[in-house]
């Protein structure tokens, strides 16, 4: 399973741009100081917060490409993303 994230969001005073890709078998760490937007990025990838621009792709499928109003509620069809050790985290 692969993941491609290229998103932009504005959440309160936070204006955040994030772009990264995870290939099958890779592990990724999101690092940064407090308040940098690490948890916000993960919430967007999981579909818990709407994105303002860009997209989230799992394999070849675009799973989020919303252009929601700033500060809106999470979508009613928010999805969960899970990862099993054998699928994502095993060495290749």
Protein backbone atom coordinates (compact mmCIF):
# COMPACT_ATOMS: atom_id res chain seq x y z
CA UNK A 1 0.00 0.00 0.00
CA UNK A 2 1.33 3.46 -0.85
CA UNK A 3 0.28 6.87 0.45
CA UNK A 4 0.71 10.24 -1.27
CA UNK A 5 -0.18 13.42 0.58
CA UNK A 6 -0.13 16.90 -0.93
CA UNK A 7 -2.43 19.07 1.18
CA UNK A 8 -2.95 22.60 2.32
CA UNK A 9 -5.16 23.64 5.20
CA UNK A 10 -5.91 26.69 7.23
CA UNK A 11 -7.06 25.83 10.73
CA UNK A 12 -7.46 28.80 13.03
CA UNK A 13 -4.22 30.74 12.82
CA UNK A 14 -2.35 27.74 11.35
CA UNK A 15 -1.66 27.88 7.62
CA UNK A 16 -0.18 24.48 6.81
CA UNK A 17 1.21 22.88 3.68
CA UNK A 18 2.32 19.22 3.75
CA UNK A 19 3.65 17.00 1.00
CA UNK A 20 5.06 13.50 1.40
CA UNK A 21 4.88 10.01 -0.06
CA UNK A 22 5.16 6.62 1.61
CA UNK A 23 6.01 3.59 -0.52
CA UNK A 24 5.09 0.02 0.43
CA UNK A 25 7.25 -1.20 3.31
CA UNK A 26 8.45 2.25 4.32
CA UNK A 27 8.03 3.89 7.71
CA UNK A 28 7.59 7.64 8.07
CA UNK A 29 8.00 9.94 11.05
CA UNK A 30 6.50 13.42 11.15
CA UNK A 31 8.75 15.59 13.28
CA UNK A 32 8.53 19.20 14.38
CA UNK A 33 8.18 21.54 17.34
CA UNK A 34 5.02 21.93 19.40
CA UNK A 35 2.29 23.66 17.41
CA UNK A 36 3.88 22.96 14.02
CA UNK A 37 0.84 20.97 12.78
CA UNK A 38 1.96 17.33 13.08
CA UNK A 39 -1.30 16.11 14.62
CA UNK A 40 -3.31 18.28 12.24
CA UNK A 41 -1.64 16.66 9.24
CA UNK A 42 -2.43 13.19 10.60
CA UNK A 43 -6.05 14.19 11.25
CA UNK A 44 -6.35 15.38 7.64
CA UNK A 45 -4.81 12.18 6.28
CA UNK A 46 -7.28 10.14 8.38
CA UNK A 47 -10.18 12.24 7.06
CA UNK A 48 -11.01 13.70 10.48
CA UNK A 49 -10.37 17.28 9.33
CA UNK A 50 -11.27 18.63 5.89
CA UNK A 51 -8.50 19.85 3.60
CA UNK A 52 -8.70 23.18 1.82
CA UNK A 53 -6.58 22.22 -1.18
CA UNK A 54 -4.65 19.28 -2.57
CA UNK A 55 -5.34 15.59 -2.20
CA UNK A 56 -4.67 12.37 -0.32
CA UNK A 57 -4.10 9.20 -2.34
CA UNK A 58 -3.92 5.60 -1.17
CA UNK A 59 -2.41 3.48 -3.92
CA UNK A 60 -3.94 4.96 -7.08
CA UNK A 61 -7.20 6.06 -5.44
CA UNK A 62 -7.84 9.68 -4.48
CA UNK A 63 -9.49 9.35 -1.07
CA UNK A 64 -9.73 13.05 -0.22
CA UNK A 65 -9.81 16.07 -2.49
CA UNK A 66 -12.23 18.27 -0.59
CA UNK A 67 -12.30 22.02 -0.76
CA UNK A 68 -14.10 22.63 2.50
CA UNK A 69 -14.69 26.04 4.09
CA UNK A 70 -12.07 27.09 6.62
CA UNK A 71 -12.98 26.02 10.17
CA UNK A 72 -15.79 23.69 9.11
CA UNK A 73 -16.72 20.51 10.98
CA UNK A 74 -15.20 17.15 10.08
CA UNK A 75 -17.10 15.51 7.21
CA UNK A 76 -19.90 13.10 8.08
CA UNK A 77 -18.22 10.45 5.93
CA UNK A 78 -14.85 10.71 7.73
CA UNK A 79 -12.84 7.58 7.12
CA UNK A 80 -10.39 5.73 9.30
CA UNK A 81 -7.00 4.60 8.07
CA UNK A 82 -5.39 1.56 9.62
CA UNK A 83 -2.08 -0.16 9.11
CA UNK A 84 -1.17 -3.69 10.03
CA UNK A 85 2.49 -4.51 10.76
CA UNK A 86 2.66 -7.13 8.05
CA UNK A 87 1.32 -4.76 5.39
CA UNK A 88 3.07 -1.46 6.07
CA UNK A 89 5.84 -1.98 8.52
CA UNK A 90 7.61 -5.14 7.44
CA UNK A 91 11.03 -4.77 5.86
CA UNK A 92 11.17 -5.21 2.09
